[in-house]
Protein backbone atom coordinates (compact mmCIF):
# COMPACT_ATOMS: atom_id res chain seq x y z
CA MET A 1 -2.76 38.69 -5.26
CA SER A 2 0.72 37.44 -4.47
CA LYS A 3 2.99 35.91 -7.06
CA SER A 4 2.99 32.12 -7.16
CA THR A 5 6.17 30.48 -5.90
CA LEU A 6 5.28 26.87 -6.69
CA ASN A 7 8.00 24.38 -7.47
CA ILE A 8 7.15 21.05 -9.09
CA VAL A 9 9.52 18.22 -8.22
CA GLU A 10 9.07 15.07 -10.31
CA LYS A 11 10.74 11.78 -9.41
CA GLU A 12 10.29 8.21 -10.50
CA ASN A 13 8.07 7.37 -7.55
CA GLY A 14 6.20 10.62 -7.04
CA VAL A 15 5.40 14.26 -7.65
CA CYS A 16 5.85 17.03 -5.09
CA ILE A 17 4.17 20.43 -5.32
CA ASN A 18 6.36 22.65 -3.18
CA ASN A 19 5.85 26.14 -1.84
CA PRO A 20 8.73 27.53 0.27
CA ASP A 21 6.26 30.14 1.59
CA PHE A 22 3.93 27.33 2.70
CA PHE A 23 0.38 26.28 1.86
CA LEU A 24 -2.78 26.29 3.88
CA THR A 25 -4.60 23.11 2.76
CA PHE A 26 -7.88 21.33 3.22
CA SER A 27 -7.72 17.78 1.87
CA ASP A 28 -8.81 14.16 2.12
CA PHE A 29 -5.23 12.92 1.73
CA LEU A 30 -4.24 9.74 3.56
CA VAL A 31 -1.46 11.56 5.43
CA SER A 32 -3.18 14.76 6.52
CA ASP A 33 -5.00 16.32 9.44
CA GLY A 34 -7.69 17.73 7.16
CA ILE A 35 -6.53 21.32 7.65
CA ASP A 36 -2.75 21.65 7.43
CA ILE A 37 -0.02 24.21 6.93
CA VAL A 38 2.66 22.50 4.86
CA GLU A 39 5.50 23.14 2.47
CA ASN A 40 5.07 20.00 0.34
CA ILE A 41 2.11 18.26 -1.26
CA ASP A 42 3.25 14.74 -2.20
CA ILE A 43 1.57 12.32 -4.60
CA ILE A 44 3.42 9.01 -4.20
CA LYS A 45 3.03 6.08 -6.58
CA GLY A 46 2.14 2.79 -4.91
CA ASP A 47 -0.19 1.08 -2.46
CA TYR A 48 0.59 2.26 1.08
CA ASP A 49 -0.97 2.36 4.50
CA PHE A 50 -0.67 5.49 6.63
CA GLU A 51 2.65 4.70 8.27
CA SER A 52 4.46 3.46 5.18
CA LEU A 53 3.20 6.40 3.12
CA ALA A 54 4.43 8.86 5.76
CA GLU A 55 7.86 7.24 5.79
CA THR A 56 8.03 7.21 2.00
CA ALA A 57 7.01 10.88 1.83
CA GLU A 58 9.76 11.86 4.28
CA ASP A 59 12.34 10.03 2.18
CA PHE A 60 10.87 11.54 -0.98
CA ASN A 61 11.24 15.08 0.40
CA GLU A 62 14.79 14.30 1.56
CA ASN A 63 14.16 16.25 4.73
CA GLU A 64 11.69 16.63 7.58
CA GLU A 65 9.83 19.60 6.14
CA SER A 66 6.07 19.53 6.63
CA TYR A 67 3.91 17.77 4.06
CA ILE A 68 0.64 16.09 3.26
CA ALA A 69 0.77 12.91 1.19
CA GLN A 70 -1.50 10.74 -0.93
CA ASN A 71 -0.76 7.47 -2.68
CA ALA A 72 -1.94 6.76 -6.22
CA ASP A 73 -1.64 4.03 -8.84
CA SER A 74 -0.21 6.54 -11.29
CA ILE A 75 1.57 9.88 -11.00
CA ASP A 76 0.69 10.98 -14.54
CA TYR A 77 -0.80 14.45 -14.35
CA PHE A 78 -1.59 17.58 -16.30
CA GLU A 79 -2.19 21.19 -15.34
CA ASN A 80 -4.96 23.65 -16.14
CA ILE A 81 -3.67 27.16 -15.38
CA TYR A 82 -5.83 30.25 -14.92
CA ASP A 83 -5.16 33.73 -13.53
CA ASP A 84 -5.47 32.81 -9.87
CA VAL A 85 -6.22 29.08 -9.99
CA GLU A 86 -4.05 26.13 -10.98
CA ILE A 87 -5.54 22.64 -11.11
CA PHE A 88 -3.26 19.61 -11.04
CA THR A 89 -5.14 16.54 -12.26
CA PHE A 90 -3.70 13.08 -11.58
CA VAL A 91 -5.14 10.24 -13.63
CA SER A 92 -4.83 6.49 -13.15
CA ASN A 93 -6.66 4.20 -15.55
CA ASP A 94 -6.85 0.43 -16.02
CA VAL A 95 -9.24 0.54 -19.00
CA GLU A 96 -8.31 0.50 -22.69
CA ILE A 97 -10.40 0.79 -25.84
CA GLU A 98 -9.82 -2.26 -28.03
CA ASP A 99 -10.92 -3.22 -31.55
CA PHE A 100 -13.76 -5.76 -31.45
CA THR A 101 -14.34 -5.76 -35.21
CA ASP A 102 -13.22 -3.45 -38.01
CA MET A 103 -16.19 -1.21 -37.18
CA LEU A 104 -16.76 -1.74 -33.47
CA LYS A 105 -14.67 -1.11 -30.36
CA VAL A 106 -15.13 -2.11 -26.74
CA ALA A 107 -13.69 -1.00 -23.40
CA ASN A 108 -11.65 -3.70 -21.70
CA SER A 109 -9.20 -4.13 -18.83
CA LYS A 110 -6.45 -6.65 -18.25
CA LYS A 111 -7.39 -6.54 -14.57
CA GLY A 112 -11.03 -7.36 -15.25
CA PHE A 113 -13.82 -5.01 -14.25
CA PHE A 114 -13.92 -6.31 -10.69
CA ASP A 115 -10.40 -5.10 -9.92
CA ALA A 116 -9.95 -2.33 -12.51
CA GLU A 117 -10.09 1.32 -11.48
CA ILE A 118 -10.27 4.77 -13.03
CA ASN A 119 -9.30 7.50 -10.58
CA ILE A 120 -9.10 11.23 -11.19
CA GLY A 121 -7.52 13.13 -8.32
CA ASN A 122 -7.11 16.89 -8.06
CA VAL A 123 -4.95 19.40 -6.28
CA ILE A 124 -6.49 22.85 -6.69
CA TYR A 125 -4.11 25.68 -5.89
CA ILE A 126 -5.69 29.10 -5.37
CA ASN A 127 -3.22 31.94 -5.41
CA LYS A 128 -4.99 33.81 -2.63
CA ILE A 129 -4.76 33.99 1.15
CA LEU A 130 -7.98 32.22 2.13
CA SER A 131 -9.37 31.11 5.47
CA PRO A 132 -10.01 27.46 6.36
CA LYS A 133 -13.75 28.18 6.24
CA ILE A 134 -13.50 29.31 2.62
CA LEU A 135 -11.27 26.36 1.70
CA MET A 136 -13.87 23.96 3.08
CA LYS A 137 -16.62 25.62 1.04
CA ILE A 138 -14.51 25.37 -2.10
CA TYR A 139 -13.72 21.72 -1.31
CA LYS A 140 -17.43 20.92 -1.06
CA ALA A 141 -18.14 22.77 -4.33
CA ALA A 142 -15.37 20.87 -6.14
CA ILE A 143 -16.72 17.52 -4.91
CA VAL A 144 -20.20 18.45 -6.11
CA ALA A 145 -18.82 19.54 -9.49
CA LYS A 146 -16.91 16.26 -10.00
CA THR A 147 -19.88 14.13 -8.98
CA SER A 148 -22.35 16.08 -11.10
CA TYR A 149 -20.08 16.00 -14.13
CA PHE A 150 -19.61 12.23 -14.11
CA ASP A 151 -23.28 11.62 -13.31
CA SER A 152 -24.18 13.68 -16.36
CA LEU A 153 -22.14 11.39 -18.61
CA ARG A 154 -24.44 8.43 -17.85
CA LEU A 155 -21.49 6.10 -18.27
CA PRO A 156 -22.02 2.35 -18.70
CA PHE A 157 -22.68 0.85 -15.27
CA HIS A 158 -19.55 -1.28 -15.15
CA ILE A 159 -17.49 1.85 -15.88
CA SER A 160 -19.22 4.11 -13.36
CA ASN A 161 -18.79 1.35 -10.75
CA ILE A 162 -14.98 1.55 -11.01
CA LEU A 163 -14.74 5.33 -11.34
CA ASN A 164 -13.21 7.45 -8.57
CA ASN A 165 -13.38 4.83 -5.83
CA HIS A 166 -9.92 6.00 -4.72
CA ASP A 167 -9.68 9.55 -6.02
CA PHE A 168 -8.45 12.46 -3.89
CA LEU A 169 -8.87 16.20 -3.58
CA ALA A 170 -6.85 18.96 -1.96
CA ILE A 171 -7.77 22.64 -1.90
CA VAL A 172 -4.63 24.70 -1.45
CA ALA A 173 -4.13 28.40 -0.77
CA ASN A 174 -1.39 30.72 0.47
CA VAL A 175 -0.44 31.29 4.10
CA PRO A 176 -0.64 34.86 5.42
CA PRO A 177 2.84 36.42 5.52
CA ASP A 178 4.45 36.79 8.94
CA SER A 179 2.16 34.12 10.37
CA PHE A 180 5.12 32.61 12.17
CA GLU A 181 8.83 32.84 12.47
CA GLN A 182 10.33 30.56 9.83
CA GLU A 183 12.91 29.10 12.19
CA ASN A 184 10.23 28.18 14.73
CA ILE A 185 7.67 26.66 12.38
CA PHE A 186 7.92 23.20 13.89
CA GLU A 187 7.97 24.40 17.48
CA ASP A 188 5.30 27.09 17.36
CA SER A 189 1.66 26.62 16.47
CA VAL A 190 0.00 28.99 14.02
CA ASP A 191 -3.26 30.71 14.82
CA ILE A 192 -5.10 29.95 11.58
CA ILE A 193 -8.43 31.10 13.03
CA ASN A 194 -7.54 34.71 13.77
CA ASN A 195 -5.15 35.33 10.89
CA GLU A 196 -5.96 37.94 8.27
CA TYR A 197 -7.35 36.45 5.07
CA ASP A 198 -8.40 37.73 1.65
CA ASP A 199 -11.99 36.52 2.10
CA ASP A 200 -13.60 39.78 1.03
CA PHE A 201 -14.66 38.86 -2.50
CA ASP A 202 -17.71 37.49 -4.32
CA LEU A 203 -17.55 33.91 -3.04
CA ASP A 204 -20.59 32.68 -4.98
CA GLU A 205 -19.11 33.87 -8.26
CA PHE A 206 -15.73 32.37 -7.39
CA ILE A 207 -17.25 29.00 -6.46
CA THR A 208 -19.17 28.94 -9.74
CA SER A 209 -15.89 29.57 -11.51
CA ILE A 210 -14.18 26.76 -9.55
CA LYS A 211 -16.95 24.33 -10.48
CA GLU A 212 -16.55 25.17 -14.17
CA LYS A 213 -12.78 24.69 -13.95
CA VAL A 214 -13.17 21.34 -12.18
CA GLU A 215 -15.57 20.13 -14.87
CA ILE A 216 -13.09 21.16 -17.56
CA ALA A 217 -10.32 19.24 -15.75
CA CYS A 218 -12.51 16.12 -15.58
CA GLU A 219 -13.41 16.42 -19.25
CA ASP A 220 -9.75 16.88 -20.17
CA ALA A 221 -8.84 13.81 -18.10
CA PHE A 222 -11.09 11.55 -20.17
CA LYS A 223 -9.72 13.07 -23.37
CA LYS A 224 -6.11 12.54 -22.31
CA ILE A 225 -6.62 8.88 -21.48
CA GLU A 226 -8.71 8.55 -24.66
CA LEU A 227 -11.71 7.00 -22.99
CA ASP A 228 -15.01 7.03 -24.78
CA PHE A 229 -17.73 4.44 -24.95
CA GLY A 230 -19.85 2.82 -27.64
CA ILE A 231 -22.82 0.55 -28.09
CA LEU A 232 -20.96 -2.64 -27.10
CA ASP A 233 -20.02 -1.05 -23.79
CA TYR A 234 -23.67 -0.30 -23.07
CA LEU A 235 -24.60 -3.88 -23.97
CA VAL A 236 -22.01 -5.10 -21.45
CA SER A 237 -23.48 -2.71 -18.87
CA GLU A 238 -26.83 -4.46 -19.36
CA GLY A 239 -25.14 -7.84 -18.85
CA ILE A 240 -25.55 -8.76 -22.50
CA LEU A 241 -22.86 -10.51 -24.54
CA ILE A 242 -23.02 -11.21 -28.27
CA GLY A 243 -23.13 -14.94 -27.51
CA ASP A 244 -26.25 -14.37 -25.40
CA LEU A 245 -28.00 -12.71 -28.33
CA ILE A 246 -27.02 -15.56 -30.65
CA ASP A 247 -28.43 -18.09 -28.19
CA ALA A 248 -31.68 -16.12 -28.00
CA GLY A 249 -31.93 -16.05 -31.77
CA MET A 250 -31.38 -19.80 -32.07
CA ALA A 251 -33.97 -20.57 -29.39
CA LEU A 252 -36.96 -20.02 -31.69
CA LEU A 253 -35.72 -21.82 -34.79
CA ALA A 254 -38.58 -23.66 -36.50
CA GLY A 255 -37.98 -26.27 -39.19
CA VAL A 256 -34.31 -25.34 -39.43
CA GLU A 257 -31.42 -27.10 -37.76
CA GLU A 258 -29.06 -25.06 -35.63
CA THR A 259 -25.56 -25.21 -37.06
CA ASP A 260 -22.26 -23.44 -36.44
CA GLU A 261 -22.64 -21.83 -39.85
CA LEU A 262 -26.04 -20.43 -38.92
CA ARG A 263 -24.74 -19.12 -35.61
CA GLU A 264 -21.83 -17.47 -37.43
CA LYS A 265 -24.22 -15.81 -39.89
CA LEU A 266 -26.32 -14.46 -37.04
CA GLU A 267 -23.24 -13.17 -35.23
CA LYS A 268 -22.08 -11.31 -38.33
CA GLN A 269 -25.53 -9.81 -38.83
CA ILE A 270 -25.81 -8.70 -35.21
CA LEU A 271 -22.41 -7.01 -35.38
CA LYS A 272 -23.30 -5.40 -38.71
CA SER A 273 -26.60 -4.11 -37.29
CA LEU A 274 -24.78 -2.64 -34.30
CA THR A 275 -22.91 -0.32 -36.68
CA ASP A 276 -26.17 1.14 -38.04
CA ILE A 277 -26.63 4.57 -36.44
CA ASN A 278 -30.41 4.12 -36.41
CA VAL A 279 -30.14 0.79 -34.62
CA ILE A 280 -27.71 2.34 -32.12
CA ALA A 281 -30.04 5.30 -31.56
CA LEU A 282 -33.04 3.02 -30.90
CA LEU A 283 -31.06 0.78 -28.54
CA MET A 284 -29.74 3.77 -26.59
CA ALA A 285 -33.22 5.32 -26.45
CA ALA A 286 -34.47 2.17 -24.73
CA ILE A 287 -31.44 1.83 -22.43
CA ARG A 288 -31.58 5.47 -21.33
CA THR A 289 -35.34 5.37 -20.85
CA GLU A 290 -35.08 2.12 -18.87
CA ASP A 291 -32.52 3.76 -16.60
CA ASP A 292 -34.70 6.81 -15.96
CA LEU A 293 -37.88 4.81 -15.39
CA SER A 294 -36.34 2.10 -13.21
CA LYS A 295 -34.82 4.76 -10.95
CA GLY A 296 -38.13 6.61 -10.68
CA ARG A 297 -36.86 9.82 -12.26
CA ILE A 298 -40.14 10.42 -14.10
CA ARG A 299 -42.90 11.16 -11.60
CA GLU A 300 -45.80 10.07 -13.81
CA ILE A 301 -44.46 6.62 -14.72
CA ASP A 302 -44.18 3.55 -12.48
CA VAL A 303 -42.73 0.51 -14.24
CA SER A 304 -42.33 -1.66 -11.14
CA ASP A 305 -45.03 -4.05 -12.39
CA ASP A 306 -44.39 -3.64 -16.18
CA PRO A 307 -47.76 -1.94 -16.87
CA ALA A 308 -49.69 -3.31 -19.85
CA TYR A 309 -50.62 0.17 -21.04
CA LEU A 310 -46.95 1.05 -21.60
CA TYR A 311 -46.38 0.01 -25.20
CA THR A 312 -43.59 2.38 -26.22
CA ASP A 313 -41.16 -0.49 -25.68
CA GLU A 314 -42.96 -2.47 -28.38
CA VAL A 315 -42.91 0.54 -30.69
CA LEU A 316 -39.13 0.72 -30.33
CA GLY A 317 -38.82 -3.04 -30.80
CA LEU A 318 -40.88 -2.91 -33.98
CA ALA A 319 -38.86 0.03 -35.22
CA ILE A 320 -35.53 -1.71 -34.77
CA SER A 321 -36.69 -4.96 -36.39
CA ASN A 322 -38.07 -2.97 -39.34
CA GLN A 323 -34.83 -0.97 -39.63
CA ILE A 324 -32.81 -4.18 -39.97
CA ALA A 325 -35.00 -6.31 -42.22
CA GLY A 326 -38.15 -4.44 -43.21
CA THR A 327 -41.80 -5.33 -42.75
CA LYS A 328 -41.20 -9.09 -42.66
CA ALA A 329 -39.16 -8.69 -39.49
CA THR A 330 -42.00 -6.95 -37.68
CA PHE A 331 -43.98 -10.20 -37.77
CA ASN A 332 -40.96 -12.09 -36.49
CA PHE A 333 -40.72 -9.54 -33.69
CA LYS A 334 -44.06 -10.68 -32.26
CA ARG A 335 -42.66 -14.23 -31.77
CA TYR A 336 -39.54 -13.05 -29.98
CA ASP A 337 -41.38 -10.44 -27.95
CA GLU A 338 -43.90 -12.95 -26.62
CA ALA A 339 -41.42 -15.79 -25.98
CA LYS A 340 -38.56 -13.59 -24.70
CA PRO A 341 -36.03 -16.40 -25.12
CA GLY A 342 -32.75 -16.65 -23.25
CA ILE A 343 -31.14 -13.45 -22.02
CA ILE A 344 -34.12 -11.36 -23.15
CA SER A 345 -36.38 -12.74 -20.40
CA GLY A 346 -34.14 -11.26 -17.72
CA LEU A 347 -34.09 -7.72 -19.08
CA GLY A 348 -36.17 -4.75 -17.97
CA PRO A 349 -39.56 -3.77 -19.42
CA MET A 350 -38.12 -1.32 -21.96
CA VAL A 351 -34.92 -3.11 -22.87
CA ASP A 352 -36.37 -6.60 -23.38
CA ASP A 353 -38.50 -5.51 -26.34
CA ILE A 354 -35.73 -3.58 -28.03
CA PHE A 355 -33.44 -6.63 -27.96
CA ALA A 356 -36.28 -8.86 -29.09
CA GLY A 357 -36.58 -6.48 -32.04
CA LEU A 358 -32.82 -6.64 -32.68
CA ILE A 359 -32.82 -10.45 -32.74
CA ALA A 360 -36.02 -10.65 -34.79
CA GLY A 361 -34.57 -8.28 -37.36
CA CYS A 362 -31.24 -10.08 -37.56
CA MET A 363 -32.85 -13.53 -37.82
CA SER A 364 -35.15 -12.31 -40.59
CA LYS A 365 -32.21 -10.76 -42.41
CA ILE A 366 -30.06 -13.90 -42.48
CA PHE A 367 -32.94 -16.01 -43.81
CA GLU A 368 -33.76 -13.64 -46.64
CA GLU A 369 -30.21 -13.84 -48.03
């Protein structure tokens, strides 16, 4: 294994990973031929098309040396360094975690969730002389690792929808020595097919190792931008706002006039209940189950027609109403479950009952005080 000669050049508008001995790269960069031999790997901040990014990269490098280039909303990055692998992870993020109450937080974005983005791009440098064929296999493995990792998080839908829509990936290795005469690099082509490469190693084991390192980089990215998600975020992902739940609660008032004071009491009780770990656990059990069943992940269960013999949703609804306000609330649950007022009527077969139970419990609680 040769000694790494990487130079990192940081400027206000970009980051350059430079190797005076040149890289062999396989990437999805905007300015790239897919497989390239280059001296510079440029990450440039801004929104560019191909031509303007190429011009900016040339100015950034202050010369006409070879390069590949990718634009990004942010050039903030961190490095994970191993014996023969170095992963540069570039993170751009439009989402912040804000206080909703003293006890609850929610993910929000000044751009709104239609325009907001979270992108995690990677440059993976392997300090080996590898063939293009091996680089392509590693590229595919890294893509699979990133996708599998974020799928496993089961993020709220509105977050997963804005994640990695404009990410990037480059797999980078060393160029065989004496591949070309340095002074003729721009005039002479390089035979990358018939060069000698260090491909004689346990590729399966190495790819497994790369996947693990990519997952660690993705995990570290979320930690560094301090993104985590709570029950309010999963309510938003279901299209449910606190105001919707209040409206549903008020819909079945009997013998009591709806007032601003009553609505305020219900809002406070809903928010209080959403800090109860048992309520959260029951809500998430229904949301996760709904997701699995609606996507057909469980072979034995078909919920396309809301089968009458599936009553686990009612069990969860009863449990959550009882958790909030005891046995009395379980009778109230029957009213809300049958009527499914407001937002509840538009929810799925598992989730509608759990939110009927939440409202029934909260309504019972405010009237017993």
